[in-house]
N, C-alpha and C. Protein backbone atom coordinates (compact mmCIF):
# COMPACT_ATOMS: atom_id res chain seq x y z
N MET A 1 -5.55 -17.89 12.63
CA MET A 1 -4.87 -17.69 12.10
C MET A 1 -5.20 -17.15 10.56
N ILE A 2 -5.65 -16.01 10.15
CA ILE A 2 -6.36 -15.22 9.37
C ILE A 2 -6.07 -16.78 7.97
N GLY A 3 -4.79 -16.98 7.54
CA GLY A 3 -4.83 -18.03 6.56
C GLY A 3 -5.16 -19.57 6.51
N ARG A 4 -5.69 -19.85 7.82
CA ARG A 4 -6.17 -20.81 8.17
C ARG A 4 -7.36 -20.39 8.07
N ALA A 5 -8.11 -19.98 8.42
CA ALA A 5 -9.83 -19.16 8.64
C ALA A 5 -10.03 -19.12 7.88
N ALA A 6 -10.00 -18.92 6.80
CA ALA A 6 -10.29 -18.08 5.39
C ALA A 6 -10.80 -19.47 4.31
N PRO A 7 -11.64 -19.40 4.21
CA PRO A 7 -12.91 -20.52 3.42
C PRO A 7 -11.59 -20.93 2.24
N GLN A 8 -11.88 -22.31 1.64
CA GLN A 8 -10.91 -22.53 0.61
C GLN A 8 -11.58 -21.64 -0.47
N PRO A 9 -12.60 -22.06 -1.08
CA PRO A 9 -12.46 -21.21 -2.30
C PRO A 9 -12.16 -20.01 -2.22
N LEU A 10 -12.22 -19.16 -1.47
CA LEU A 10 -11.03 -17.35 -1.21
C LEU A 10 -9.59 -17.78 -1.37
N ARG A 11 -9.24 -18.87 -1.03
CA ARG A 11 -7.73 -19.30 -0.91
C ARG A 11 -7.77 -20.04 -2.58
N ASP A 12 -7.90 -20.66 -2.63
CA ASP A 12 -8.37 -21.29 -4.20
C ASP A 12 -7.85 -19.96 -5.29
N SER A 13 -9.27 -19.07 -5.23
CA SER A 13 -9.03 -17.89 -6.00
C SER A 13 -7.90 -17.30 -5.75
N LEU A 14 -6.91 -17.19 -4.61
CA LEU A 14 -6.03 -16.00 -4.51
C LEU A 14 -5.03 -16.85 -5.49
N LYS A 15 -5.00 -17.69 -4.99
CA LYS A 15 -3.50 -18.71 -5.85
C LYS A 15 -3.14 -18.06 -6.75
N SER A 16 -2.95 -17.52 -7.89
CA SER A 16 -2.58 -17.07 -8.84
C SER A 16 -3.15 -15.06 -9.21
N ALA A 17 -3.76 -15.01 -8.22
CA ALA A 17 -4.17 -13.44 -7.76
C ALA A 17 -2.89 -12.10 -7.67
N ARG A 18 -3.38 -10.95 -8.32
CA ARG A 18 -2.08 -10.08 -7.82
C ARG A 18 -2.53 -8.91 -7.64
N ILE A 19 -2.82 -8.55 -6.23
CA ILE A 19 -3.79 -7.07 -6.13
C ILE A 19 -2.90 -6.34 -5.90
N PHE A 20 -3.49 -4.88 -6.28
CA PHE A 20 -2.83 -3.83 -6.94
C PHE A 20 -3.51 -2.71 -5.80
N LEU A 21 -3.00 -2.15 -5.14
CA LEU A 21 -3.91 -1.16 -3.56
C LEU A 21 -3.68 0.44 -4.19
N ALA A 22 -4.49 1.05 -4.71
CA ALA A 22 -3.36 2.59 -4.52
C ALA A 22 -3.87 2.66 -2.98
N PHE A 23 -3.20 4.12 -2.94
CA PHE A 23 -3.42 4.71 -1.35
C PHE A 23 -4.33 5.46 -1.21
N GLY A 24 -4.60 5.94 -2.54
CA GLY A 24 -5.86 7.06 -2.58
C GLY A 24 -7.25 5.95 -1.86
N LEU A 25 -7.21 5.26 -2.38
CA LEU A 25 -8.27 3.91 -2.16
C LEU A 25 -8.58 3.16 -1.00
N VAL A 26 -6.95 2.84 -0.94
CA VAL A 26 -6.92 2.35 0.58
C VAL A 26 -5.83 2.70 1.26
N LEU A 27 -5.59 3.50 2.32
CA LEU A 27 -4.62 3.97 3.00
C LEU A 27 -3.63 2.80 3.44
N PHE A 28 -2.75 3.50 4.41
CA PHE A 28 -1.58 2.34 4.78
C PHE A 28 -2.31 1.19 6.05
N GLY A 29 -2.66 1.83 6.61
CA GLY A 29 -3.25 0.90 8.08
C GLY A 29 -4.32 -0.22 7.03
N LEU A 30 -4.69 0.27 5.82
CA LEU A 30 -5.54 -0.87 5.41
C LEU A 30 -4.88 -1.49 4.49
N LEU A 31 -3.90 -1.21 4.18
CA LEU A 31 -3.02 -1.63 3.01
C LEU A 31 -2.16 -2.76 3.85
N SER A 32 -1.75 -2.17 5.03
CA SER A 32 -0.91 -3.36 6.18
C SER A 32 -2.14 -4.45 6.66
N GLY A 33 -3.23 -3.83 6.70
CA GLY A 33 -3.84 -5.04 7.26
C GLY A 33 -4.51 -5.69 6.31
N ILE A 34 -4.97 -5.41 5.25
CA ILE A 34 -5.16 -6.84 3.74
C ILE A 34 -3.93 -7.50 3.29
N ALA A 35 -3.03 -6.31 3.01
CA ALA A 35 -1.70 -7.45 2.79
C ALA A 35 -1.49 -8.67 3.27
N THR A 36 -1.56 -8.32 5.17
CA THR A 36 -1.29 -9.64 5.64
C THR A 36 -2.14 -10.79 5.76
N ALA A 37 -3.17 -10.23 5.70
CA ALA A 37 -4.63 -11.42 5.40
C ALA A 37 -4.10 -12.10 4.01
N VAL A 38 -3.91 -11.18 3.31
CA VAL A 38 -3.69 -12.03 1.75
C VAL A 38 -2.80 -13.10 1.87
N LYS A 39 -1.63 -12.08 2.38
CA LYS A 39 -0.77 -13.12 2.28
C LYS A 39 -0.59 -14.47 3.18
N LEU A 40 -0.90 -14.04 4.63
CA LEU A 40 -1.51 -15.54 5.11
C LEU A 40 -2.20 -15.78 5.07
N ALA A 41 -3.37 -15.97 4.19
CA ALA A 41 -4.18 -17.02 2.93
C ALA A 41 -3.42 -17.42 1.67
N SER A 42 -2.27 -16.53 1.33
CA SER A 42 -2.29 -16.84 -0.13
C SER A 42 -0.64 -16.79 -0.16
N PRO A 43 -0.04 -17.24 -0.12
CA PRO A 43 1.55 -16.51 0.16
C PRO A 43 1.98 -16.12 -1.23
N GLY A 44 1.38 -16.96 -2.08
CA GLY A 44 1.86 -16.48 -3.48
C GLY A 44 1.52 -15.52 -4.12
N THR A 45 0.56 -15.43 -3.78
CA THR A 45 0.09 -13.47 -4.25
C THR A 45 0.57 -12.64 -3.80
N GLN A 46 0.90 -11.55 -5.21
CA GLN A 46 1.38 -10.31 -4.79
C GLN A 46 0.69 -9.47 -4.72
N VAL A 47 0.67 -8.52 -3.38
CA VAL A 47 0.11 -7.11 -2.88
C VAL A 47 0.71 -5.86 -2.96
N TRP A 48 0.58 -5.27 -4.12
CA TRP A 48 1.39 -3.73 -4.32
C TRP A 48 0.48 -2.62 -3.87
N GLY A 49 1.42 -1.71 -3.60
CA GLY A 49 0.41 -0.76 -3.17
C GLY A 49 0.78 0.39 -4.18
N ALA A 50 0.27 1.93 -4.23
CA ALA A 50 0.66 2.99 -4.95
C ALA A 50 0.35 4.20 -4.18
N GLU A 51 1.00 5.31 -4.21
CA GLU A 51 1.00 6.44 -3.74
C GLU A 51 1.03 7.89 -4.38
N PRO A 52 1.08 9.07 -4.01
CA PRO A 52 1.41 10.25 -4.87
C PRO A 52 2.85 10.06 -4.95
N ALA A 53 3.08 10.45 -6.19
CA ALA A 53 4.66 10.79 -6.36
C ALA A 53 5.09 11.84 -5.34
N LEU A 54 4.36 12.71 -4.96
CA LEU A 54 4.41 13.96 -4.35
C LEU A 54 4.61 13.83 -3.21
N ALA A 55 4.26 12.85 -2.73
CA ALA A 55 4.18 12.38 -1.65
C ALA A 55 4.56 10.71 -0.98
N ALA A 56 5.91 10.47 -1.40
CA ALA A 56 6.13 9.11 -1.59
C ALA A 56 6.78 8.64 -0.51
N ASP A 57 6.63 9.30 0.44
CA ASP A 57 7.78 8.85 1.98
C ASP A 57 7.61 7.05 1.97
N ALA A 58 6.40 6.73 1.55
CA ALA A 58 5.86 5.15 1.87
C ALA A 58 7.04 4.54 0.83
N LYS A 59 6.76 5.15 -0.44
CA LYS A 59 7.99 4.04 -1.05
C LYS A 59 8.90 4.01 -0.94
N GLU A 60 9.67 5.65 -0.75
CA GLU A 60 11.03 5.60 0.29
C GLU A 60 11.34 4.73 0.90
N SER A 61 10.62 4.74 2.23
CA SER A 61 10.35 3.85 3.26
C SER A 61 10.54 2.31 3.10
N PHE A 62 9.58 2.19 1.74
CA PHE A 62 9.85 0.47 1.37
C PHE A 62 11.20 0.16 0.67
N GLU A 63 11.69 1.13 -0.56
CA GLU A 63 13.56 0.65 -1.00
C GLU A 63 14.07 0.96 0.22
N THR A 64 14.37 1.94 0.95
CA THR A 64 15.34 1.98 2.21
C THR A 64 15.25 0.96 2.76
N LYS A 65 13.75 0.18 3.13
CA LYS A 65 13.85 -0.65 4.49
C LYS A 65 14.04 0.46 5.84
N THR A 66 13.39 1.81 5.58
CA THR A 66 14.01 2.86 7.30
C THR A 66 13.18 3.51 6.78
N LEU A 67 12.30 3.32 7.80
CA LEU A 67 11.03 4.44 8.04
C LEU A 67 11.44 5.36 7.98
N VAL A 68 11.38 6.48 7.00
CA VAL A 68 11.86 8.01 6.80
C VAL A 68 10.17 9.06 6.68
N GLU A 69 10.86 9.98 7.46
CA GLU A 69 9.67 11.39 7.26
C GLU A 69 9.83 12.25 6.29
N TRP A 70 8.41 12.59 5.72
CA TRP A 70 8.97 13.90 5.07
C TRP A 70 8.64 15.09 5.38
N PRO A 71 8.46 16.13 5.33
CA PRO A 71 8.40 17.37 5.39
C PRO A 71 6.97 17.83 4.95
N ALA A 72 6.65 17.81 6.01
CA ALA A 72 4.79 18.61 5.25
C ALA A 72 4.83 19.77 4.47
N THR A 73 5.75 20.32 4.03
CA THR A 73 5.87 21.16 2.83
C THR A 73 6.54 20.06 1.47
N LYS A 74 6.80 19.22 1.68
CA LYS A 74 6.66 18.59 0.37
C LYS A 74 5.17 17.45 0.25
N THR A 75 5.10 17.42 1.44
CA THR A 75 3.87 16.03 1.11
C THR A 75 2.47 16.64 0.45
N THR A 76 1.99 17.99 1.27
CA THR A 76 1.30 18.95 0.84
C THR A 76 1.41 19.37 -0.75
N ARG A 77 1.70 19.21 -1.43
CA ARG A 77 2.06 19.44 -2.63
C ARG A 77 0.89 18.17 -3.41
N THR A 78 0.81 17.59 -3.58
CA THR A 78 0.20 16.52 -3.76
C THR A 78 -1.80 16.67 -3.56
N ILE A 79 -1.99 15.99 -4.69
CA ILE A 79 -3.65 16.46 -4.99
C ILE A 79 -4.43 15.31 -4.32
N GLY A 80 -3.54 13.77 -3.84
CA GLY A 80 -4.09 13.39 -3.11
C GLY A 80 -4.10 13.52 -1.81
N ASP A 81 -4.73 14.55 -0.84
CA ASP A 81 -5.06 15.18 -0.01
C ASP A 81 -4.84 14.55 1.39
N GLY A 82 -5.72 12.74 1.12
CA GLY A 82 -5.72 11.96 1.74
C GLY A 82 -4.87 10.98 2.42
N LEU A 83 -3.19 11.40 1.68
CA LEU A 83 -2.08 10.65 1.89
C LEU A 83 -1.32 12.11 2.18
N ARG A 84 -1.20 13.11 2.80
CA ARG A 84 -0.32 14.22 2.92
C ARG A 84 0.11 13.58 4.82
N THR A 85 0.52 12.71 5.20
CA THR A 85 1.17 12.13 6.37
C THR A 85 2.25 12.25 5.95
N GLN A 86 3.39 12.58 6.89
CA GLN A 86 4.30 12.55 6.73
C GLN A 86 5.08 11.34 6.25
N SER A 87 4.54 10.36 7.18
CA SER A 87 5.27 8.90 7.42
C SER A 87 4.30 7.83 7.70
N LEU A 88 4.69 6.68 7.62
CA LEU A 88 3.86 5.18 7.39
C LEU A 88 4.22 5.86 9.30
N GLY A 89 3.04 4.77 10.08
CA GLY A 89 3.39 4.63 11.42
C GLY A 89 4.46 3.50 11.83
N ALA A 90 4.97 3.08 12.53
CA ALA A 90 6.18 2.29 12.64
C ALA A 90 5.45 0.94 12.93
N LEU A 91 4.13 0.06 13.35
CA LEU A 91 3.85 -0.78 13.34
C LEU A 91 3.36 -1.08 11.63
N ASN A 92 2.67 -0.37 11.38
CA ASN A 92 2.05 -0.49 10.13
C ASN A 92 3.33 -0.71 8.57
N PHE A 93 4.09 0.34 9.14
CA PHE A 93 5.30 -0.24 8.45
C PHE A 93 5.84 -1.69 8.71
N GLU A 94 5.81 -1.96 9.60
CA GLU A 94 6.04 -3.41 9.96
C GLU A 94 5.80 -4.49 8.88
N HIS A 95 4.34 -4.44 8.96
CA HIS A 95 3.27 -5.19 8.43
C HIS A 95 3.88 -4.83 6.55
N VAL A 96 3.71 -3.80 6.33
CA VAL A 96 4.55 -3.04 4.88
C VAL A 96 5.65 -4.08 4.27
N LEU A 97 6.50 -3.80 5.28
CA LEU A 97 7.54 -4.74 4.72
C LEU A 97 7.42 -6.19 4.57
N ARG A 98 6.75 -6.48 5.72
CA ARG A 98 6.49 -8.22 5.78
C ARG A 98 5.80 -8.79 4.29
N TYR A 99 4.75 -8.04 3.81
CA TYR A 99 3.97 -8.36 3.24
C TYR A 99 3.60 -7.89 1.99
N VAL A 100 4.07 -6.67 2.01
CA VAL A 100 3.75 -5.72 0.40
C VAL A 100 5.15 -6.24 -0.54
N ASP A 101 4.50 -6.81 -2.10
CA ASP A 101 5.24 -6.93 -2.78
C ASP A 101 6.28 -5.84 -3.40
N GLY A 102 5.69 -4.49 -2.92
CA GLY A 102 6.18 -3.44 -4.01
C GLY A 102 5.15 -2.43 -3.58
N ILE A 103 5.77 -0.78 -3.90
CA ILE A 103 5.03 -0.08 -3.84
C ILE A 103 5.21 1.12 -5.20
N ASP A 104 4.00 1.63 -6.34
CA ASP A 104 4.44 2.25 -7.09
C ASP A 104 4.28 3.89 -7.00
N LYS A 105 4.42 4.67 -7.63
CA LYS A 105 4.26 6.45 -7.55
C LYS A 105 3.56 6.71 -8.69
N LEU A 106 2.08 7.19 -8.29
CA LEU A 106 1.14 7.54 -9.18
C LEU A 106 1.18 9.34 -9.64
N THR A 107 1.73 9.71 -10.71
CA THR A 107 1.73 11.22 -10.96
C THR A 107 0.42 12.09 -10.85
N PHE A 108 0.44 12.95 -10.76
CA PHE A 108 -0.76 14.00 -10.73
C PHE A 108 -1.50 13.68 -12.05
N VAL A 109 -0.97 13.40 -12.75
CA VAL A 109 -2.00 13.12 -14.41
C VAL A 109 -2.88 12.10 -14.11
N ARG A 110 -1.47 10.73 -13.49
CA ARG A 110 -2.22 9.67 -13.10
C ARG A 110 -3.50 9.77 -12.17
N ILE A 111 -3.82 10.28 -11.09
CA ILE A 111 -4.46 10.64 -10.13
C ILE A 111 -5.97 11.25 -10.88
N ALA A 112 -5.77 12.01 -11.34
CA ALA A 112 -6.62 13.57 -11.66
C ALA A 112 -7.28 12.47 -12.94
N SER A 113 -6.67 11.40 -13.73
CA SER A 113 -7.64 10.21 -14.51
C SER A 113 -8.02 9.46 -13.57
N PHE A 114 -8.26 9.17 -12.62
CA PHE A 114 -9.49 8.67 -11.71
C PHE A 114 -10.45 8.86 -11.05
N TRP A 115 -10.59 10.34 -11.38
CA TRP A 115 -11.49 11.66 -11.22
C TRP A 115 -12.36 11.34 -12.44
N ALA A 116 -12.33 11.21 -13.60
CA ALA A 116 -13.16 11.22 -15.06
C ALA A 116 -13.79 9.82 -14.81
N ILE A 117 -13.49 8.96 -14.01
CA ILE A 117 -14.30 7.53 -14.22
C ILE A 117 -15.62 7.99 -13.76
């Protein structure tokens, strides 16, 4: 298991950490994998994700605990072009539900502010 294989210094550093992964930087497949690895290494660490408010099918799925699909006409409204899928994959969704603590929505203004960095 990843939790047992992780070096002790890594497990120690994660004990009080809170990890926030913006889906514009970490897509859902990576989120589910990273969340799984982190939670197995350090169950007390919080892992949060974020996605564009105009393509928030994952947040809706997470909150309702039901895999939902948004039509392309809704998800293509966002400038977060890497997140214009209509739904999560079924296997990724299982991991997100099990290992992710929450999902937040990012507004257009917030996403655009990342470009200014």
